[in-house]
PDB file of N, CA and C in Angstrom:
ATOM      1  N   MET A   1     -56.243  -9.449  50.686  1.00  0.00           N
ATOM      2  CA  MET A   1     -55.961  -9.885  49.333  1.00  0.00           C
ATOM      3  C   MET A   1     -56.899  -9.150  48.381  1.00  0.00           C
ATOM      4  N   ALA A   2     -56.316  -8.558  47.355  1.00  0.00           N
ATOM      5  CA  ALA A   2     -57.119  -7.831  46.374  1.00  0.00           C
ATOM      6  C   ALA A   2     -56.800  -8.358  44.977  1.00  0.00           C
ATOM      7  N   VAL A   3     -57.836  -8.480  44.162  1.00  0.00           N
ATOM      8  CA  VAL A   3     -57.664  -8.902  42.773  1.00  0.00           C
ATOM      9  C   VAL A   3     -57.855  -7.671  41.895  1.00  0.00           C
ATOM     10  N   HIS A   4     -56.870  -7.411  41.054  1.00  0.00           N
ATOM     11  CA  HIS A   4     -56.903  -6.259  40.163  1.00  0.00           C
ATOM     12  C   HIS A   4     -57.017  -6.755  38.722  1.00  0.00           C
ATOM     13  N   ASN A   5     -58.165  -6.520  38.093  1.00  0.00           N
ATOM     14  CA  ASN A   5     -58.325  -6.901  36.696  1.00  0.00           C
ATOM     15  C   ASN A   5     -57.461  -5.999  35.830  1.00  0.00           C
ATOM     16  N   VAL A   6     -56.649  -6.624  34.956  1.00  0.00           N
ATOM     17  CA  VAL A   6     -55.693  -5.854  34.165  1.00  0.00           C
ATOM     18  C   VAL A   6     -55.912  -5.982  32.659  1.00  0.00           C
ATOM     19  N   ALA A   7     -56.686  -6.995  32.240  1.00  0.00           N
ATOM     20  CA  ALA A   7     -56.920  -7.186  30.805  1.00  0.00           C
ATOM     21  C   ALA A   7     -58.002  -8.229  30.602  1.00  0.00           C
ATOM     22  N   ALA A   8     -58.611  -8.159  29.441  1.00  0.00           N
ATOM     23  CA  ALA A   8     -59.511  -9.238  29.027  1.00  0.00           C
ATOM     24  C   ALA A   8     -58.647 -10.353  28.457  1.00  0.00           C
ATOM     25  N   VAL A   9     -59.074 -11.597  28.631  1.00  0.00           N
ATOM     26  CA  VAL A   9     -58.304 -12.732  28.141  1.00  0.00           C
ATOM     27  C   VAL A   9     -58.026 -12.614  26.647  1.00  0.00           C
ATOM     28  N   ASP A  10     -58.996 -12.151  25.860  1.00  0.00           N
ATOM     29  CA  ASP A  10     -58.792 -12.068  24.407  1.00  0.00           C
ATOM     30  C   ASP A  10     -57.835 -10.942  24.006  1.00  0.00           C
ATOM     31  N   GLU A  11     -57.443 -10.075  24.939  1.00  0.00           N
ATOM     32  CA  GLU A  11     -56.436  -9.044  24.677  1.00  0.00           C
ATOM     33  C   GLU A  11     -55.015  -9.602  24.744  1.00  0.00           C
ATOM     34  N   LEU A  12     -54.870 -10.821  25.247  1.00  0.00           N
ATOM     35  CA  LEU A  12     -53.549 -11.387  25.475  1.00  0.00           C
ATOM     36  C   LEU A  12     -53.449 -12.764  24.807  1.00  0.00           C
ATOM     37  N   PRO A  13     -53.337 -12.795  23.472  1.00  0.00           N
ATOM     38  CA  PRO A  13     -53.231 -14.084  22.781  1.00  0.00           C
ATOM     39  C   PRO A  13     -51.971 -14.850  23.195  1.00  0.00           C
ATOM     40  N   GLU A  14     -51.972 -16.129  22.961  1.00  0.00           N
ATOM     41  CA  GLU A  14     -50.833 -16.977  23.284  1.00  0.00           C
ATOM     42  C   GLU A  14     -49.552 -16.400  22.684  1.00  0.00           C
ATOM     43  N   GLY A  15     -48.499 -16.370  23.503  1.00  0.00           N
ATOM     44  CA  GLY A  15     -47.203 -15.873  23.050  1.00  0.00           C
ATOM     45  C   GLY A  15     -47.024 -14.364  23.172  1.00  0.00           C
ATOM     46  N   THR A  16     -48.001 -13.671  23.776  1.00  0.00           N
ATOM     47  CA  THR A  16     -47.885 -12.228  23.936  1.00  0.00           C
ATOM     48  C   THR A  16     -47.819 -11.861  25.415  1.00  0.00           C
ATOM     49  N   PHE A  17     -47.544 -10.584  25.663  1.00  0.00           N
ATOM     50  CA  PHE A  17     -47.501 -10.086  27.031  1.00  0.00           C
ATOM     51  C   PHE A  17     -47.878  -8.613  27.032  1.00  0.00           C
ATOM     52  N   LYS A  18     -48.141  -8.113  28.215  1.00  0.00           N
ATOM     53  CA  LYS A  18     -48.336  -6.682  28.387  1.00  0.00           C
ATOM     54  C   LYS A  18     -47.796  -6.301  29.751  1.00  0.00           C
ATOM     55  N   ILE A  19     -47.386  -5.050  29.863  1.00  0.00           N
ATOM     56  CA  ILE A  19     -46.894  -4.529  31.128  1.00  0.00           C
ATOM     57  C   ILE A  19     -47.983  -3.640  31.712  1.00  0.00           C
ATOM     58  N   VAL A  20     -48.321  -3.890  32.973  1.00  0.00           N
ATOM     59  CA  VAL A  20     -49.387  -3.150  33.646  1.00  0.00           C
ATOM     60  C   VAL A  20     -48.858  -2.550  34.951  1.00  0.00           C
ATOM     61  N   GLU A  21     -49.569  -1.572  35.453  1.00  0.00           N
ATOM     62  CA  GLU A  21     -49.258  -0.985  36.757  1.00  0.00           C
ATOM     63  C   GLU A  21     -50.364  -1.383  37.730  1.00  0.00           C
ATOM     64  N   VAL A  22     -49.972  -1.964  38.863  1.00  0.00           N
ATOM     65  CA  VAL A  22     -50.919  -2.357  39.896  1.00  0.00           C
ATOM     66  C   VAL A  22     -50.358  -1.906  41.243  1.00  0.00           C
ATOM     67  N   GLU A  23     -51.081  -1.044  41.912  1.00  0.00           N
ATOM     68  CA  GLU A  23     -50.661  -0.528  43.219  1.00  0.00           C
ATOM     69  C   GLU A  23     -49.212  -0.035  43.196  1.00  0.00           C
ATOM     70  N   GLY A  24     -48.858   0.695  42.151  1.00  0.00           N
ATOM     71  CA  GLY A  24     -47.514   1.252  42.041  1.00  0.00           C
ATOM     72  C   GLY A  24     -46.442   0.269  41.616  1.00  0.00           C
ATOM     73  N   ARG A  25     -46.841  -0.939  41.260  1.00  0.00           N
ATOM     74  CA  ARG A  25     -45.892  -1.966  40.826  1.00  0.00           C
ATOM     75  C   ARG A  25     -46.013  -2.174  39.323  1.00  0.00           C
ATOM     76  N   SER A  26     -44.874  -2.249  38.650  1.00  0.00           N
ATOM     77  CA  SER A  26     -44.861  -2.579  37.230  1.00  0.00           C
ATOM     78  C   SER A  26     -44.779  -4.099  37.121  1.00  0.00           C
ATOM     79  N   ILE A  27     -45.756  -4.693  36.424  1.00  0.00           N
ATOM     80  CA  ILE A  27     -45.884  -6.150  36.350  1.00  0.00           C
ATOM     81  C   ILE A  27     -46.047  -6.570  34.890  1.00  0.00           C
ATOM     82  N   GLY A  28     -45.298  -7.584  34.490  1.00  0.00           N
ATOM     83  CA  GLY A  28     -45.452  -8.167  33.162  1.00  0.00           C
ATOM     84  C   GLY A  28     -46.424  -9.329  33.239  1.00  0.00           C
ATOM     85  N   VAL A  29     -47.427  -9.322  32.371  1.00  0.00           N
ATOM     86  CA  VAL A  29     -48.440 -10.387  32.326  1.00  0.00           C
ATOM     87  C   VAL A  29     -48.253 -11.114  31.007  1.00  0.00           C
ATOM     88  N   TYR A  30     -48.024 -12.424  31.065  1.00  0.00           N
ATOM     89  CA  TYR A  30     -47.647 -13.222  29.907  1.00  0.00           C
ATOM     90  C   TYR A  30     -48.637 -14.354  29.655  1.00  0.00           C
ATOM     91  N   ASN A  31     -48.905 -14.629  28.389  1.00  0.00           N
ATOM     92  CA  ASN A  31     -49.656 -15.817  27.993  1.00  0.00           C
ATOM     93  C   ASN A  31     -48.640 -16.812  27.459  1.00  0.00           C
ATOM     94  N   VAL A  32     -48.324 -17.805  28.276  1.00  0.00           N
ATOM     95  CA  VAL A  32     -47.335 -18.829  27.938  1.00  0.00           C
ATOM     96  C   VAL A  32     -48.079 -20.120  27.614  1.00  0.00           C
ATOM     97  N   LYS A  33     -48.172 -20.405  26.336  1.00  0.00           N
ATOM     98  CA  LYS A  33     -48.806 -21.645  25.877  1.00  0.00           C
ATOM     99  C   LYS A  33     -50.219 -21.803  26.445  1.00  0.00           C
ATOM    100  N   GLY A  34     -50.955 -20.686  26.499  1.00  0.00           N
ATOM    101  CA  GLY A  34     -52.341 -20.722  26.955  1.00  0.00           C
ATOM    102  C   GLY A  34     -52.540 -20.514  28.445  1.00  0.00           C
ATOM    103  N   GLU A  35     -51.467 -20.441  29.209  1.00  0.00           N
ATOM    104  CA  GLU A  35     -51.549 -20.180  30.650  1.00  0.00           C
ATOM    105  C   GLU A  35     -51.055 -18.761  30.920  1.00  0.00           C
ATOM    106  N   ILE A  36     -51.675 -18.076  31.865  1.00  0.00           N
ATOM    107  CA  ILE A  36     -51.325 -16.697  32.174  1.00  0.00           C
ATOM    108  C   ILE A  36     -50.435 -16.656  33.423  1.00  0.00           C
ATOM    109  N   TYR A  37     -49.336 -15.901  33.316  1.00  0.00           N
ATOM    110  CA  TYR A  37     -48.388 -15.732  34.426  1.00  0.00           C
ATOM    111  C   TYR A  37     -48.062 -14.257  34.572  1.00  0.00           C
ATOM    112  N   ALA A  38     -47.634 -13.858  35.761  1.00  0.00           N
ATOM    113  CA  ALA A  38     -47.276 -12.465  36.007  1.00  0.00           C
ATOM    114  C   ALA A  38     -46.014 -12.397  36.860  1.00  0.00           C
ATOM    115  N   ILE A  39     -45.079 -11.529  36.449  1.00  0.00           N
ATOM    116  CA  ILE A  39     -43.841 -11.328  37.203  1.00  0.00           C
ATOM    117  C   ILE A  39     -43.580  -9.833  37.357  1.00  0.00           C
ATOM    118  N   HIS A  40     -42.812  -9.505  38.377  1.00  0.00           N
ATOM    119  CA  HIS A  40     -42.406  -8.128  38.628  1.00  0.00           C
ATOM    120  C   HIS A  40     -41.489  -7.675  37.489  1.00  0.00           C
ATOM    121  N   ASN A  41     -41.716  -6.509  36.979  1.00  0.00           N
ATOM    122  CA  ASN A  41     -40.937  -5.959  35.873  1.00  0.00           C
ATOM    123  C   ASN A  41     -39.661  -5.308  36.403  1.00  0.00           C
ATOM    124  N   TYR A  42     -38.846  -6.109  37.088  1.00  0.00           N
ATOM    125  CA  TYR A  42     -37.645  -5.594  37.738  1.00  0.00           C
ATOM    126  C   TYR A  42     -36.615  -6.709  37.824  1.00  0.00           C
ATOM    127  N   CYS A  43     -35.449  -6.479  37.231  1.00  0.00           N
ATOM    128  CA  CYS A  43     -34.372  -7.469  37.331  1.00  0.00           C
ATOM    129  C   CYS A  43     -33.609  -7.228  38.628  1.00  0.00           C
ATOM    130  N   PRO A  44     -33.452  -8.250  39.462  1.00  0.00           N
ATOM    131  CA  PRO A  44     -32.775  -8.082  40.742  1.00  0.00           C
ATOM    132  C   PRO A  44     -31.278  -7.801  40.611  1.00  0.00           C
ATOM    133  N   HIS A  45     -30.718  -7.962  39.431  1.00  0.00           N
ATOM    134  CA  HIS A  45     -29.291  -7.719  39.241  1.00  0.00           C
ATOM    135  C   HIS A  45     -28.971  -6.235  39.354  1.00  0.00           C
ATOM    136  N   GLN A  46     -29.531  -5.416  38.450  1.00  0.00           N
ATOM    137  CA  GLN A  46     -29.257  -3.979  38.496  1.00  0.00           C
ATOM    138  C   GLN A  46     -30.489  -3.136  38.181  1.00  0.00           C
ATOM    139  N   GLY A  47     -31.672  -3.718  38.339  1.00  0.00           N
ATOM    140  CA  GLY A  47     -32.900  -2.944  38.267  1.00  0.00           C
ATOM    141  C   GLY A  47     -33.460  -2.659  36.885  1.00  0.00           C
ATOM    142  N   ALA A  48     -33.036  -3.372  35.885  1.00  0.00           N
ATOM    143  CA  ALA A  48     -33.575  -3.161  34.532  1.00  0.00           C
ATOM    144  C   ALA A  48     -35.048  -3.522  34.478  1.00  0.00           C
ATOM    145  N   ALA A  49     -35.736  -2.952  33.490  1.00  0.00           N
ATOM    146  CA  ALA A  49     -37.125  -3.328  33.216  1.00  0.00           C
ATOM    147  C   ALA A  49     -37.096  -4.717  32.572  1.00  0.00           C
ATOM    148  N   LEU A  50     -37.154  -5.733  33.402  1.00  0.00           N
ATOM    149  CA  LEU A  50     -36.983  -7.118  32.981  1.00  0.00           C
ATOM    150  C   LEU A  50     -37.919  -7.515  31.845  1.00  0.00           C
ATOM    151  N   CYS A  51     -39.156  -7.072  31.918  1.00  0.00           N
ATOM    152  CA  CYS A  51     -40.156  -7.499  30.938  1.00  0.00           C
ATOM    153  C   CYS A  51     -39.977  -6.843  29.572  1.00  0.00           C
ATOM    154  N   ARG A  52     -39.003  -5.977  29.424  1.00  0.00           N
ATOM    155  CA  ARG A  52     -38.655  -5.409  28.118  1.00  0.00           C
ATOM    156  C   ARG A  52     -37.682  -6.320  27.374  1.00  0.00           C
ATOM    157  N   GLY A  53     -37.224  -7.385  28.040  1.00  0.00           N
ATOM    158  CA  GLY A  53     -36.291  -8.322  27.432  1.00  0.00           C
ATOM    159  C   GLY A  53     -37.005  -9.338  26.565  1.00  0.00           C
ATOM    160  N   PRO A  54     -36.244 -10.046  25.730  1.00  0.00           N
ATOM    161  CA  PRO A  54     -36.837 -11.044  24.835  1.00  0.00           C
ATOM    162  C   PRO A  54     -37.329 -12.274  25.584  1.00  0.00           C
ATOM    163  N   VAL A  55     -38.380 -12.869  25.058  1.00  0.00           N
ATOM    164  CA  VAL A  55     -38.931 -14.108  25.595  1.00  0.00           C
ATOM    165  C   VAL A  55     -38.573 -15.224  24.632  1.00  0.00           C
ATOM    166  N   GLY A  56     -38.113 -16.335  25.158  1.00  0.00           N
ATOM    167  CA  GLY A  56     -37.752 -17.473  24.314  1.00  0.00           C
ATOM    168  C   GLY A  56     -37.543 -18.689  25.182  1.00  0.00           C
ATOM    169  N   GLY A  57     -36.601 -19.507  24.789  1.00  0.00           N
ATOM    170  CA  GLY A  57     -36.251 -20.696  25.550  1.00  0.00           C
ATOM    171  C   GLY A  57     -34.825 -20.584  26.030  1.00  0.00           C
ATOM    172  N   THR A  58     -34.232 -21.721  26.320  1.00  0.00           N
ATOM    173  CA  THR A  58     -32.854 -21.741  26.798  1.00  0.00           C
ATOM    174  C   THR A  58     -32.240 -23.092  26.464  1.00  0.00           C
ATOM    175  N   THR A  59     -30.962 -23.215  26.709  1.00  0.00           N
ATOM    176  CA  THR A  59     -30.331 -24.512  26.496  1.00  0.00           C
ATOM    177  C   THR A  59     -30.596 -25.389  27.715  1.00  0.00           C
ATOM    178  N   LEU A  60     -30.836 -26.654  27.451  1.00  0.00           N
ATOM    179  CA  LEU A  60     -31.121 -27.616  28.511  1.00  0.00           C
ATOM    180  C   LEU A  60     -29.865 -28.413  28.830  1.00  0.00           C
ATOM    181  N   GLU A  61     -29.884 -29.072  29.968  1.00  0.00           N
ATOM    182  CA  GLU A  61     -28.758 -29.910  30.361  1.00  0.00           C
ATOM    183  C   GLU A  61     -28.488 -30.931  29.262  1.00  0.00           C
ATOM    184  N   SER A  62     -27.207 -31.084  28.913  1.00  0.00           N
ATOM    185  CA  SER A  62     -26.861 -31.990  27.826  1.00  0.00           C
ATOM    186  C   SER A  62     -25.410 -32.445  27.955  1.00  0.00           C
ATOM    187  N   GLN A  63     -24.988 -33.249  27.023  1.00  0.00           N
ATOM    188  CA  GLN A  63     -23.617 -33.740  26.995  1.00  0.00           C
ATOM    189  C   GLN A  63     -22.680 -32.625  26.517  1.00  0.00           C
ATOM    190  N   VAL A  64     -21.383 -32.817  26.723  1.00  0.00           N
ATOM    191  CA  VAL A  64     -20.380 -31.863  26.256  1.00  0.00           C
ATOM    192  C   VAL A  64     -20.510 -31.704  24.742  1.00  0.00           C
ATOM    193  N   TYR A  65     -20.451 -30.461  24.273  1.00  0.00           N
ATOM    194  CA  TYR A  65     -20.562 -30.094  22.852  1.00  0.00           C
ATOM    195  C   TYR A  65     -21.928 -30.381  22.244  1.00  0.00           C
ATOM    196  N   GLU A  66     -22.894 -30.664  23.072  1.00  0.00           N
ATOM    197  CA  GLU A  66     -24.256 -30.895  22.590  1.00  0.00           C
ATOM    198  C   GLU A  66     -25.131 -29.779  23.171  1.00  0.00           C
ATOM    199  N   PHE A  67     -25.891 -29.122  22.322  1.00  0.00           N
ATOM    200  CA  PHE A  67     -26.756 -28.044  22.771  1.00  0.00           C
ATOM    201  C   PHE A  67     -28.194 -28.395  22.432  1.00  0.00           C
ATOM    202  N   ILE A  68     -29.006 -28.481  23.474  1.00  0.00           N
ATOM    203  CA  ILE A  68     -30.409 -28.823  23.299  1.00  0.00           C
ATOM    204  C   ILE A  68     -31.241 -27.623  23.727  1.00  0.00           C
ATOM    205  N   TYR A  69     -32.026 -27.098  22.800  1.00  0.00           N
ATOM    206  CA  TYR A  69     -32.880 -25.947  23.075  1.00  0.00           C
ATOM    207  C   TYR A  69     -34.226 -26.444  23.587  1.00  0.00           C
ATOM    208  N   GLY A  70     -34.757 -25.780  24.607  1.00  0.00           N
ATOM    209  CA  GLY A  70     -36.051 -26.178  25.144  1.00  0.00           C
ATOM    210  C   GLY A  70     -36.695 -25.054  25.921  1.00  0.00           C
ATOM    211  N   ARG A  71     -37.866 -25.340  26.483  1.00  0.00           N
ATOM    212  CA  ARG A  71     -38.645 -24.401  27.284  1.00  0.00           C
ATOM    213  C   ARG A  71     -38.995 -23.146  26.495  1.00  0.00           C
ATOM    214  N   ASP A  72     -39.274 -23.331  25.219  1.00  0.00           N
ATOM    215  CA  ASP A  72     -39.581 -22.209  24.348  1.00  0.00           C
ATOM    216  C   ASP A  72     -40.756 -21.391  24.882  1.00  0.00           C
ATOM    217  N   GLN A  73     -40.611 -20.081  24.857  1.00  0.00           N
ATOM    218  CA  GLN A  73     -41.598 -19.098  25.317  1.00  0.00           C
ATOM    219  C   GLN A  73     -41.833 -19.131  26.827  1.00  0.00           C
ATOM    220  N   GLU A  74     -40.946 -19.764  27.594  1.00  0.00           N
ATOM    221  CA  GLU A  74     -41.091 -19.830  29.053  1.00  0.00           C
ATOM    222  C   GLU A  74     -40.057 -18.995  29.798  1.00  0.00           C
ATOM    223  N   ILE A  75     -39.101 -18.408  29.072  1.00  0.00           N
ATOM    224  CA  ILE A  75     -37.973 -17.725  29.702  1.00  0.00           C
ATOM    225  C   ILE A  75     -37.904 -16.280  29.218  1.00  0.00           C
ATOM    226  N   VAL A  76     -37.739 -15.335  30.149  1.00  0.00           N
ATOM    227  CA  VAL A  76     -37.490 -13.942  29.779  1.00  0.00           C
ATOM    228  C   VAL A  76     -36.026 -13.642  30.101  1.00  0.00           C
ATOM    229  N   ARG A  77     -35.385 -12.930  29.190  1.00  0.00           N
ATOM    230  CA  ARG A  77     -33.962 -12.592  29.338  1.00  0.00           C
ATOM    231  C   ARG A  77     -33.851 -11.088  29.576  1.00  0.00           C
ATOM    232  N   CYS A  78     -33.176 -10.710  30.644  1.00  0.00           N
ATOM    233  CA  CYS A  78     -33.013  -9.297  30.974  1.00  0.00           C
ATOM    234  C   CYS A  78     -32.348  -8.563  29.807  1.00  0.00           C
ATOM    235  N   PRO A  79     -32.904  -7.401  29.416  1.00  0.00           N
ATOM    236  CA  PRO A  79     -32.351  -6.677  28.272  1.00  0.00           C
ATOM    237  C   PRO A  79     -30.986  -6.037  28.546  1.00  0.00           C
ATOM    238  N   TRP A  80     -30.588  -5.910  29.793  1.00  0.00           N
ATOM    239  CA  TRP A  80     -29.305  -5.282  30.089  1.00  0.00           C
ATOM    240  C   TRP A  80     -28.146  -6.271  30.099  1.00  0.00           C
ATOM    241  N   HIS A  81     -28.253  -7.359  30.835  1.00  0.00           N
ATOM    242  CA  HIS A  81     -27.111  -8.260  31.002  1.00  0.00           C
ATOM    243  C   HIS A  81     -27.415  -9.726  30.711  1.00  0.00           C
ATOM    244  N   GLY A  82     -28.620 -10.006  30.241  1.00  0.00           N
ATOM    245  CA  GLY A  82     -28.933 -11.358  29.781  1.00  0.00           C
ATOM    246  C   GLY A  82     -29.297 -12.371  30.848  1.00  0.00           C
ATOM    247  N   TRP A  83     -29.512 -11.936  32.073  1.00  0.00           N
ATOM    248  CA  TRP A  83     -29.923 -12.899  33.100  1.00  0.00           C
ATOM    249  C   TRP A  83     -31.271 -13.476  32.698  1.00  0.00           C
ATOM    250  N   GLU A  84     -31.454 -14.796  32.865  1.00  0.00           N
ATOM    251  CA  GLU A  84     -32.676 -15.478  32.438  1.00  0.00           C
ATOM    252  C   GLU A  84     -33.546 -15.850  33.638  1.00  0.00           C
ATOM    253  N   PHE A  85     -34.871 -15.654  33.456  1.00  0.00           N
ATOM    254  CA  PHE A  85     -35.832 -15.950  34.513  1.00  0.00           C
ATOM    255  C   PHE A  85     -37.002 -16.747  33.954  1.00  0.00           C
ATOM    256  N   ASP A  86     -37.500 -17.679  34.760  1.00  0.00           N
ATOM    257  CA  ASP A  86     -38.640 -18.507  34.413  1.00  0.00           C
ATOM    258  C   ASP A  86     -39.913 -17.670  34.567  1.00  0.00           C
ATOM    259  N   LEU A  87     -40.681 -17.541  33.504  1.00  0.00           N
ATOM    260  CA  LEU A  87     -41.909 -16.742  33.561  1.00  0.00           C
ATOM    261  C   LEU A  87     -42.958 -17.345  34.483  1.00  0.00           C
ATOM    262  N   LYS A  88     -42.911 -18.634  34.706  1.00  0.00           N
ATOM    263  CA  LYS A  88     -43.909 -19.296  35.542  1.00  0.00           C
ATOM    264  C   LYS A  88     -43.667 -19.067  37.036  1.00  0.00           C
ATOM    265  N   THR A  89     -42.392 -18.940  37.424  1.00  0.00           N
ATOM    266  CA  THR A  89     -42.051 -18.876  38.852  1.00  0.00           C
ATOM    267  C   THR A  89     -41.291 -17.627  39.264  1.00  0.00           C
ATOM    268  N   GLY A  90     -40.673 -16.943  38.317  1.00  0.00           N
ATOM    269  CA  GLY A  90     -39.823 -15.802  38.630  1.00  0.00           C
ATOM    270  C   GLY A  90     -38.412 -16.193  39.027  1.00  0.00           C
ATOM    271  N   LYS A  91     -38.116 -17.481  39.126  1.00  0.00           N
ATOM    272  CA  LYS A  91     -36.791 -17.941  39.541  1.00  0.00           C
ATOM    273  C   LYS A  91     -35.784 -17.758  38.408  1.00  0.00           C
ATOM    274  N   SER A  92     -34.547 -17.416  38.799  1.00  0.00           N
ATOM    275  CA  SER A  92     -33.486 -17.326  37.805  1.00  0.00           C
ATOM    276  C   SER A  92     -33.075 -18.736  37.401  1.00  0.00           C
ATOM    277  N   LEU A  93     -32.458 -18.846  36.245  1.00  0.00           N
ATOM    278  CA  LEU A  93     -32.018 -20.160  35.784  1.00  0.00           C
ATOM    279  C   LEU A  93     -30.624 -20.513  36.282  1.00  0.00           C
ATOM    280  N   PHE A  94     -29.945 -19.572  36.906  1.00  0.00           N
ATOM    281  CA  PHE A  94     -28.563 -19.825  37.297  1.00  0.00           C
ATOM    282  C   PHE A  94     -28.331 -19.921  38.801  1.00  0.00           C
ATOM    283  N   SER A  95     -29.289 -19.508  39.625  1.00  0.00           N
ATOM    284  CA  SER A  95     -29.093 -19.548  41.071  1.00  0.00           C
ATOM    285  C   SER A  95     -30.425 -19.696  41.790  1.00  0.00           C
ATOM    286  N   ASP A  96     -30.464 -20.567  42.774  1.00  0.00           N
ATOM    287  CA  ASP A  96     -31.671 -20.735  43.582  1.00  0.00           C
ATOM    288  C   ASP A  96     -31.916 -19.539  44.495  1.00  0.00           C
ATOM    289  N   LYS A  97     -30.921 -18.668  44.653  1.00  0.00           N
ATOM    290  CA  LYS A  97     -31.028 -17.526  45.549  1.00  0.00           C
ATOM    291  C   LYS A  97     -31.500 -16.254  44.846  1.00  0.00           C
ATOM    292  N   VAL A  98     -31.610 -16.285  43.513  1.00  0.00           N
ATOM    293  CA  VAL A  98     -31.989 -15.091  42.757  1.00  0.00           C
ATOM    294  C   VAL A  98     -33.334 -15.330  42.086  1.00  0.00           C
ATOM    295  N   ARG A  99     -34.211 -14.338  42.200  1.00  0.00           N
ATOM    296  CA  ARG A  99     -35.531 -14.441  41.575  1.00  0.00           C
ATOM    297  C   ARG A  99     -36.132 -13.050  41.453  1.00  0.00           C
ATOM    298  N   THR A 100     -37.117 -12.939  40.605  1.00  0.00           N
ATOM    299  CA  THR A 100     -37.963 -11.760  40.598  1.00  0.00           C
ATOM    300  C   THR A 100     -39.324 -12.227  41.111  1.00  0.00           C
ATOM    301  N   ARG A 101     -40.068 -11.346  41.667  1.00  0.00           N
ATOM    302  CA  ARG A 101     -41.348 -11.748  42.266  1.00  0.00           C
ATOM    303  C   ARG A 101     -42.325 -12.225  41.189  1.00  0.00           C
ATOM    304  N   SER A 102     -43.020 -13.293  41.494  1.00  0.00           N
ATOM    305  CA  SER A 102     -44.115 -13.728  40.631  1.00  0.00           C
ATOM    306  C   SER A 102     -45.413 -13.453  41.380  1.00  0.00           C
ATOM    307  N   TYR A 103     -46.476 -13.230  40.636  1.00  0.00           N
ATOM    308  CA  TYR A 103     -47.774 -12.910  41.230  1.00  0.00           C
ATOM    309  C   TYR A 103     -48.799 -13.968  40.843  1.00  0.00           C
ATOM    310  N   LYS A 104     -49.676 -14.237  41.757  1.00  0.00           N
ATOM    311  CA  LYS A 104     -50.781 -15.149  41.478  1.00  0.00           C
ATOM    312  C   LYS A 104     -51.724 -14.461  40.487  1.00  0.00           C
ATOM    313  N   VAL A 105     -52.195 -15.258  39.526  1.00  0.00           N
ATOM    314  CA  VAL A 105     -53.102 -14.746  38.496  1.00  0.00           C
ATOM    315  C   VAL A 105     -54.431 -15.468  38.631  1.00  0.00           C
ATOM    316  N   GLN A 106     -55.503 -14.714  38.464  1.00  0.00           N
ATOM    317  CA  GLN A 106     -56.847 -15.284  38.516  1.00  0.00           C
ATOM    318  C   GLN A 106     -57.552 -14.934  37.206  1.00  0.00           C
ATOM    319  N   VAL A 107     -58.043 -15.942  36.512  1.00  0.00           N
ATOM    320  CA  VAL A 107     -58.804 -15.717  35.285  1.00  0.00           C
ATOM    321  C   VAL A 107     -60.251 -16.091  35.566  1.00  0.00           C
ATOM    322  N   GLU A 108     -61.129 -15.092  35.454  1.00  0.00           N
ATOM    323  CA  GLU A 108     -62.531 -15.305  35.773  1.00  0.00           C
ATOM    324  C   GLU A 108     -63.399 -14.397  34.905  1.00  0.00           C
ATOM    325  N   ASP A 109     -64.450 -14.955  34.353  1.00  0.00           N
ATOM    326  CA  ASP A 109     -65.389 -14.208  33.514  1.00  0.00           C
ATOM    327  C   ASP A 109     -64.686 -13.453  32.387  1.00  0.00           C
ATOM    328  N   GLY A 110     -63.666 -14.092  31.799  1.00  0.00           N
ATOM    329  CA  GLY A 110     -62.968 -13.492  30.670  1.00  0.00           C
ATOM    330  C   GLY A 110     -62.000 -12.396  31.047  1.00  0.00           C
ATOM    331  N   GLN A 111     -61.748 -12.206  32.338  1.00  0.00           N
ATOM    332  CA  GLN A 111     -60.852 -11.164  32.793  1.00  0.00           C
ATOM    333  C   GLN A 111     -59.623 -11.775  33.474  1.00  0.00           C
ATOM    334  N   ILE A 112     -58.468 -11.145  33.249  1.00  0.00           N
ATOM    335  CA  ILE A 112     -57.215 -11.548  33.903  1.00  0.00           C
ATOM    336  C   ILE A 112     -57.027 -10.634  35.100  1.00  0.00           C
ATOM    337  N   GLY A 113     -56.911 -11.242  36.272  1.00  0.00           N
ATOM    338  CA  GLY A 113     -56.704 -10.478  37.496  1.00  0.00           C
ATOM    339  C   GLY A 113     -55.382 -10.843  38.154  1.00  0.00           C
ATOM    340  N   ILE A 114     -54.706  -9.846  38.689  1.00  0.00           N
ATOM    341  CA  ILE A 114     -53.476 -10.044  39.454  1.00  0.00           C
ATOM    342  C   ILE A 114     -53.849  -9.967  40.927  1.00  0.00           C
ATOM    343  N   VAL A 115     -53.400 -10.942  41.705  1.00  0.00           N
ATOM    344  CA  VAL A 115     -53.704 -10.994  43.129  1.00  0.00           C
ATOM    345  C   VAL A 115     -52.560 -10.341  43.889  1.00  0.00           C
ATOM    346  N   ILE A 116     -52.886  -9.322  44.659  1.00  0.00           N
ATOM    347  CA  ILE A 116     -51.895  -8.602  45.459  1.00  0.00           C
ATOM    348  C   ILE A 116     -52.284  -8.750  46.923  1.00  0.00           C
ATOM    349  N   GLY A 117     -51.301  -9.053  47.759  1.00  0.00           N
ATOM    350  CA  GLY A 117     -51.545  -9.158  49.196  1.00  0.00           C
ATOM    351  C   GLY A 117     -51.547 -10.585  49.665  1.00  0.00           C
ATOM    352  N   GLN A 118     -51.674 -10.750  50.951  1.00  0.00           N
ATOM    353  CA  GLN A 118     -51.671 -12.073  51.577  1.00  0.00           C
ATOM    354  C   GLN A 118     -53.019 -12.757  51.333  1.00  0.00           C
ATOM    355  N   GLY A 119     -52.964 -14.055  51.261  1.00  0.00           N
ATOM    356  CA  GLY A 119     -54.224 -14.741  51.069  1.00  0.00           C
ATOM    357  C   GLY A 119     -54.217 -16.158  51.441  1.00  0.00           C
TER     358      GLY A 119
END
């Protein structure tokens, strides 16, 4: 298990993200409501740079003809075909079988580190 420091915490204010390269992997690092998350910058549908898509919320379960918006700043939408993924887990919102990889994040001494490997 290796920890790769990718940014200082103050470089990533709440609601922002950056794309980094770690061991040949493109990874999006996000500050979601004060918590740091990291996902693979790859959409499993057709390989788009997932982290280039917009970040926002989504519609929540509701009654017919009722639309409830929620989970603001927790969802990234693929820029090619609109597939939505949870920034916290990498799971798609439409299928339990589809996901992009999420990475463990370590914040220590003001530095954001991505954990790569088994641990």
